[in-house]
Amino acid sequence: MAIKIQSSLNEIDVEMGNIFLKEMRIADPRLKTEESNLPLWDEDQVIMVDELDTEEIFNAWLIKNSKKKIDIQYPILAYQADDITEVFYGTGNRIHQWEFVTDGKPQEWAVGDIVCIISGFYRGMKGTIKAILENSTKFVVDLGSTTGTFSADDLRATESKAPSVFKAKQIITTYTSSILVEQKQEARYLMNNFILRCADGQIWHPFKSEILDGSELHIFTVFDIPNINKVPTSEQKLKGSGYIYSVNFVTHVWAYLTDIPAPQGFIEQIRENIHVENESRVNRIVIN
């Protein structure tokens, strides 16, 4: 049985293909045929490659296309992942910076829920909700040694109602794309529409992360100006004539790398087992 390999970078790679397909349908709303009423652009025409070489693009297209066609069908958009240019290392390194939550607070608290107090004199203590007051705006919590009344903003979920927490780092990277077409007129048409409809108007792209159990993450993009190159294929090089046209552009991407959700109890355990010796003068931090 094959081992399932999951990572944020793989998710981003796949989602960038979905983003490029969405953008091309905005820039190029042509239909395959007037009779079929199907968009010209479908999933088969957007492929990820290791290099933007025409032979690799054609081979990848032949492997991917669901109809198993053996004749190349233009247009084709190929994209490759470039280097990660920046990582914000200040995010996610320290204990409190693990607290990226995948979901908001529970919609309803119930008597018997175990909660953590997150503000005020009792901050950091856990207790059990004993009563709900004032139309579910105030909660009486038994803290063991005492009982207090708190608002919803003072409470954080634990146990079964706790949201997942995960480690995350923001990255900046780029993807380089190449759209192959047969005619220069078509290449100029795609340039024209992409600049007008997509380049500065399509920035925010939400998607569901499998790593975070379907929670929503986001990718932000800025598209560079598309321009044309003439590209000979190997066969055309041998003949010494003929070109296809390539519309190329770079996409700047801001995204998050995220880790597999860690159990809430583990995070709380780390916090509770940290204390400072000689609190009047910080000498060292001890983790039990």
Protein backbone atom coordinates (compact mmCIF):
# COMPACT_ATOMS: atom_id res chain seq x y z
CA MET A 1 0.00 0.00 0.00
CA ALA A 2 1.42 3.39 -1.04
CA ILE A 3 2.14 5.89 1.70
CA LYS A 4 0.14 9.10 1.35
CA ILE A 5 2.47 12.09 1.15
CA GLN A 6 0.91 15.37 2.22
CA SER A 7 2.48 18.79 2.59
CA SER A 8 1.48 22.41 2.28
CA LEU A 9 3.77 22.90 -0.72
CA ASN A 10 2.05 20.06 -2.57
CA GLU A 11 -1.34 21.55 -1.71
CA ILE A 12 -0.20 24.96 -2.96
CA ASP A 13 1.13 23.41 -6.20
CA VAL A 14 -2.25 21.77 -6.86
CA GLU A 15 -4.21 24.88 -5.92
CA MET A 16 -2.10 27.04 -8.23
CA GLY A 17 -3.28 24.81 -11.08
CA ASN A 18 -6.88 25.49 -10.03
CA ILE A 19 -6.12 29.23 -9.85
CA PHE A 20 -4.59 29.26 -13.34
CA LEU A 21 -7.62 27.41 -14.75
CA LYS A 22 -9.95 29.92 -13.09
CA GLU A 23 -7.93 32.85 -14.47
CA MET A 24 -7.83 31.49 -18.01
CA ARG A 25 -11.60 31.03 -18.03
CA ILE A 26 -11.91 34.68 -17.00
CA ALA A 27 -9.38 35.88 -19.58
CA ASP A 28 -10.53 33.55 -22.36
CA PRO A 29 -14.26 32.73 -22.20
CA ARG A 30 -14.35 30.98 -25.59
CA LEU A 31 -16.23 27.69 -25.95
CA LYS A 32 -14.91 24.40 -27.31
CA THR A 33 -17.75 24.41 -29.82
CA GLU A 34 -20.91 26.45 -30.01
CA GLU A 35 -22.95 23.26 -29.97
CA SER A 36 -21.39 21.85 -26.78
CA ASN A 37 -21.48 25.10 -24.79
CA LEU A 38 -18.41 23.81 -22.84
CA PRO A 39 -15.62 26.22 -21.80
CA LEU A 40 -12.55 26.05 -24.01
CA TRP A 41 -10.34 25.71 -20.92
CA ASP A 42 -10.59 22.53 -18.86
CA GLU A 43 -8.37 20.72 -16.35
CA ASP A 44 -6.52 18.82 -19.07
CA GLN A 45 -5.06 22.05 -20.44
CA VAL A 46 -3.37 23.18 -17.20
CA ILE A 47 -0.35 21.09 -16.24
CA MET A 48 2.53 21.37 -13.79
CA VAL A 49 6.00 20.59 -15.11
CA ASP A 50 9.56 20.58 -13.81
CA GLU A 51 10.83 22.64 -16.73
CA LEU A 52 9.06 24.86 -19.24
CA ASP A 53 10.50 22.98 -22.18
CA THR A 54 8.11 22.29 -25.05
CA GLU A 55 8.92 18.57 -25.15
CA GLU A 56 8.31 18.18 -21.41
CA ILE A 57 5.07 20.17 -21.69
CA PHE A 58 3.84 17.98 -24.54
CA ASN A 59 4.75 14.77 -22.71
CA ALA A 60 3.02 15.97 -19.52
CA TRP A 61 -0.08 16.90 -21.53
CA LEU A 62 -0.20 13.48 -23.20
CA ILE A 63 0.00 11.77 -19.81
CA LYS A 64 -2.58 14.01 -18.12
CA ASN A 65 -5.30 14.44 -20.71
CA SER A 66 -8.29 12.43 -19.55
CA LYS A 67 -9.50 11.65 -23.08
CA LYS A 68 -6.14 10.01 -23.90
CA LYS A 69 -5.74 12.03 -27.08
CA ILE A 70 -2.49 11.55 -28.95
CA ASP A 71 -2.58 14.81 -30.92
CA ILE A 72 -1.64 17.95 -29.00
CA GLN A 73 -4.60 20.25 -28.39
CA TYR A 74 -3.83 23.95 -27.99
CA PRO A 75 -3.94 26.15 -25.94
CA ILE A 76 -1.93 24.59 -23.07
CA LEU A 77 -0.89 26.36 -19.87
CA ALA A 78 2.15 24.84 -18.14
CA TYR A 79 3.53 26.11 -14.87
CA GLN A 80 6.53 25.36 -12.68
CA ALA A 81 7.28 26.09 -9.03
CA ASP A 82 10.22 28.45 -8.54
CA ASP A 83 12.42 28.95 -5.49
CA ILE A 84 10.94 30.14 -2.22
CA THR A 85 12.36 33.63 -1.91
CA GLU A 86 11.39 34.46 1.66
CA VAL A 87 10.20 32.71 4.81
CA PHE A 88 8.93 34.65 7.81
CA TYR A 89 10.84 32.76 10.50
CA GLY A 90 9.41 34.91 13.28
CA THR A 91 6.09 33.08 12.88
CA GLY A 92 5.48 29.77 14.55
CA ASN A 93 8.74 29.36 16.45
CA ARG A 94 7.74 30.14 20.00
CA ILE A 95 5.18 28.41 22.20
CA HIS A 96 2.44 31.03 22.03
CA GLN A 97 2.86 31.28 18.26
CA TRP A 98 1.48 27.78 17.80
CA GLU A 99 -1.94 29.26 18.43
CA PHE A 100 -3.21 29.39 14.85
CA VAL A 101 -6.78 28.13 15.13
CA THR A 102 -8.63 26.46 12.28
CA ASP A 103 -12.12 27.34 13.50
CA GLY A 104 -13.72 30.00 15.67
CA LYS A 105 -15.24 29.67 19.09
CA PRO A 106 -18.03 27.13 19.62
CA GLN A 107 -21.42 28.51 18.65
CA GLU A 108 -22.90 27.29 21.92
CA TRP A 109 -21.45 26.62 25.35
CA ALA A 110 -23.13 24.00 27.51
CA VAL A 111 -23.19 23.26 31.22
CA GLY A 112 -20.40 20.77 31.90
CA ASP A 113 -18.03 22.07 29.21
CA ILE A 114 -14.43 22.31 30.38
CA VAL A 115 -12.99 25.72 29.51
CA CYS A 116 -9.77 27.68 29.90
CA ILE A 117 -9.85 31.26 31.20
CA ILE A 118 -7.85 33.46 28.83
CA SER A 119 -8.08 36.91 30.42
CA GLY A 120 -8.25 38.60 33.79
CA PHE A 121 -7.03 37.48 37.23
CA TYR A 122 -7.79 33.78 36.60
CA ARG A 123 -6.06 33.64 33.21
CA GLY A 124 -4.59 30.20 32.49
CA MET A 125 -6.88 28.30 34.88
CA LYS A 126 -9.27 25.58 33.75
CA GLY A 127 -12.77 25.03 35.04
CA THR A 128 -16.19 23.60 34.35
CA ILE A 129 -19.22 25.63 33.28
CA LYS A 130 -21.86 25.30 36.03
CA ALA A 131 -24.48 27.81 34.87
CA ILE A 132 -25.32 29.99 31.86
CA LEU A 133 -26.71 33.50 32.49
CA GLU A 134 -28.09 36.51 30.63
CA ASN A 135 -29.03 34.84 27.35
CA SER A 136 -25.73 32.96 27.08
CA THR A 137 -23.56 36.06 27.54
CA LYS A 138 -22.32 35.20 31.04
CA PHE A 139 -21.04 31.89 32.37
CA VAL A 140 -20.49 30.65 35.90
CA VAL A 141 -17.31 28.57 35.96
CA ASP A 142 -16.17 26.30 38.79
CA LEU A 143 -12.39 26.64 39.01
CA GLY A 144 -11.99 24.14 41.84
CA SER A 145 -10.80 26.47 44.58
CA THR A 146 -13.26 29.20 43.62
CA THR A 147 -16.13 30.06 41.29
CA GLY A 148 -16.24 33.01 38.90
CA THR A 149 -18.51 34.60 36.32
CA PHE A 150 -17.05 35.23 32.88
CA SER A 151 -18.10 36.48 29.45
CA ALA A 152 -17.74 34.38 26.29
CA ASP A 153 -14.66 36.42 25.32
CA ASP A 154 -12.95 35.29 28.54
CA LEU A 155 -13.27 31.61 27.66
CA ARG A 156 -11.44 29.30 25.33
CA ALA A 157 -12.56 25.81 24.41
CA THR A 158 -10.76 22.69 25.57
CA GLU A 159 -11.50 18.98 25.26
CA SER A 160 -13.88 17.99 22.43
CA LYS A 161 -14.90 21.57 21.56
CA ALA A 162 -11.35 22.82 21.17
CA PRO A 163 -10.41 23.95 17.67
CA SER A 164 -7.36 22.36 16.11
CA VAL A 165 -4.15 24.33 16.40
CA PHE A 166 -1.28 24.15 13.96
CA LYS A 167 2.15 25.55 13.28
CA ALA A 168 2.44 27.89 10.31
CA LYS A 169 4.96 30.02 8.48
CA GLN A 170 4.30 32.52 5.74
CA ILE A 171 6.28 32.16 2.53
CA ILE A 172 6.81 34.24 -0.59
CA THR A 173 7.49 32.35 -3.81
CA THR A 174 6.83 32.53 -7.55
CA TYR A 175 5.44 30.30 -10.27
CA THR A 176 6.48 30.75 -13.90
CA SER A 177 3.84 29.99 -16.53
CA SER A 178 3.86 29.43 -20.26
CA ILE A 179 0.75 29.32 -22.46
CA LEU A 180 1.40 27.55 -25.78
CA VAL A 181 -0.70 28.52 -28.82
CA GLU A 182 -0.31 28.03 -32.55
CA GLN A 183 -1.09 31.52 -33.82
CA LYS A 184 0.39 34.87 -32.91
CA GLN A 185 -3.04 36.47 -33.16
CA GLU A 186 -4.32 34.12 -30.46
CA ALA A 187 -1.29 34.84 -28.26
CA ARG A 188 -1.93 38.58 -28.50
CA TYR A 189 -5.61 37.99 -27.70
CA LEU A 190 -4.65 36.12 -24.50
CA MET A 191 -2.18 38.86 -23.51
CA ASN A 192 -4.81 41.53 -24.06
CA ASN A 193 -7.51 39.83 -21.98
CA PHE A 194 -5.21 38.63 -19.21
CA ILE A 195 -3.90 42.17 -18.65
CA LEU A 196 -7.40 43.65 -18.66
CA ARG A 197 -9.26 41.03 -16.64
CA CYS A 198 -6.79 39.23 -14.38
CA ALA A 199 -3.45 40.96 -13.83
CA ASP A 200 -4.50 43.38 -11.07
CA GLY A 201 -7.99 42.15 -10.28
CA GLN A 202 -7.51 38.57 -9.13
CA ILE A 203 -5.57 38.61 -5.87
CA TRP A 204 -7.24 36.52 -3.15
CA HIS A 205 -7.87 32.78 -3.56
CA PRO A 206 -9.36 30.72 -0.68
CA PHE A 207 -9.12 26.93 -0.73
CA LYS A 208 -9.82 23.96 1.52
CA SER A 209 -6.78 22.32 3.10
CA GLU A 210 -6.81 18.53 3.48
CA ILE A 211 -3.93 18.79 5.96
CA LEU A 212 -6.15 20.93 8.20
CA ASP A 213 -9.20 18.70 7.79
CA GLY A 214 -10.93 20.90 5.25
CA SER A 215 -10.34 24.23 6.98
CA GLU A 216 -9.99 27.27 4.74
CA LEU A 217 -6.57 28.67 3.85
CA HIS A 218 -5.69 31.43 1.40
CA ILE A 219 -3.26 32.15 -1.41
CA PHE A 220 -2.55 35.71 -2.54
CA THR A 221 -1.24 36.36 -6.04
CA VAL A 222 0.15 39.20 -8.12
CA PHE A 223 0.51 38.43 -11.83
CA ASP A 224 3.32 39.96 -13.86
CA ILE A 225 2.79 41.26 -17.39
CA PRO A 226 2.45 38.43 -19.95
CA ASN A 227 4.69 38.62 -23.03
CA ILE A 228 5.27 36.50 -26.13
CA ASN A 229 8.15 34.28 -27.17
CA LYS A 230 8.48 32.24 -30.35
CA VAL A 231 9.20 28.63 -29.42
CA PRO A 232 10.47 25.99 -31.87
CA THR A 233 9.73 22.34 -31.12
CA SER A 234 12.36 19.68 -31.78
CA GLU A 235 10.65 18.71 -35.04
CA GLN A 236 10.52 22.31 -36.15
CA LYS A 237 14.20 22.78 -35.32
CA LEU A 238 15.04 19.91 -37.69
CA LYS A 239 12.89 21.37 -40.46
CA GLY A 240 14.36 24.80 -39.90
CA SER A 241 10.99 26.53 -40.08
CA GLY A 242 7.78 27.10 -38.16
CA TYR A 243 7.11 28.14 -34.59
CA ILE A 244 4.51 27.95 -31.92
CA TYR A 245 3.96 30.93 -29.64
CA SER A 246 4.39 31.07 -25.89
CA VAL A 247 2.74 33.65 -23.62
CA ASN A 248 4.91 33.79 -20.50
CA PHE A 249 4.34 35.43 -17.12
CA VAL A 250 5.49 35.11 -13.51
CA THR A 251 3.02 34.87 -10.61
CA HIS A 252 4.13 36.17 -7.22
CA VAL A 253 2.57 34.12 -4.43
CA TRP A 254 2.06 34.72 -0.71
CA ALA A 255 0.94 31.60 1.15
CA TYR A 256 1.27 29.64 4.38
CA LEU A 257 3.06 26.41 5.12
CA THR A 258 1.14 24.55 7.82
CA ASP A 259 1.84 21.50 9.89
CA ILE A 260 -0.52 18.66 10.78
CA PRO A 261 -2.86 19.82 13.57
CA ALA A 262 -1.48 19.17 17.06
CA PRO A 263 -3.85 18.05 19.83
CA GLN A 264 -5.08 20.94 21.96
CA GLY A 265 -4.15 19.06 25.14
CA PHE A 266 -0.53 18.89 24.02
CA ILE A 267 -0.40 22.65 23.54
CA GLU A 268 -1.95 23.28 26.95
CA GLN A 269 0.48 20.83 28.56
CA ILE A 270 3.46 22.72 27.16
CA ARG A 271 2.11 26.00 28.48
CA GLU A 272 1.31 24.66 31.93
CA ASN A 273 4.73 23.09 32.38
CA ILE A 274 6.72 26.24 31.75
CA HIS A 275 7.62 28.38 34.74
CA VAL A 276 10.27 30.93 35.55
CA GLU A 277 12.57 30.36 38.49
CA ASN A 278 13.09 33.47 40.64
CA GLU A 279 10.24 35.48 39.13
CA SER A 280 11.48 38.77 40.54
CA ARG A 281 14.54 38.42 38.36
CA VAL A 282 14.29 36.19 35.32
CA ASN A 283 17.19 33.77 35.47
CA ARG A 284 16.04 30.87 33.34
CA ILE A 285 12.98 29.22 31.90
CA VAL A 286 12.38 25.62 32.97
CA ILE A 287 10.33 23.14 30.95
CA ASN A 288 9.27 20.10 32.96
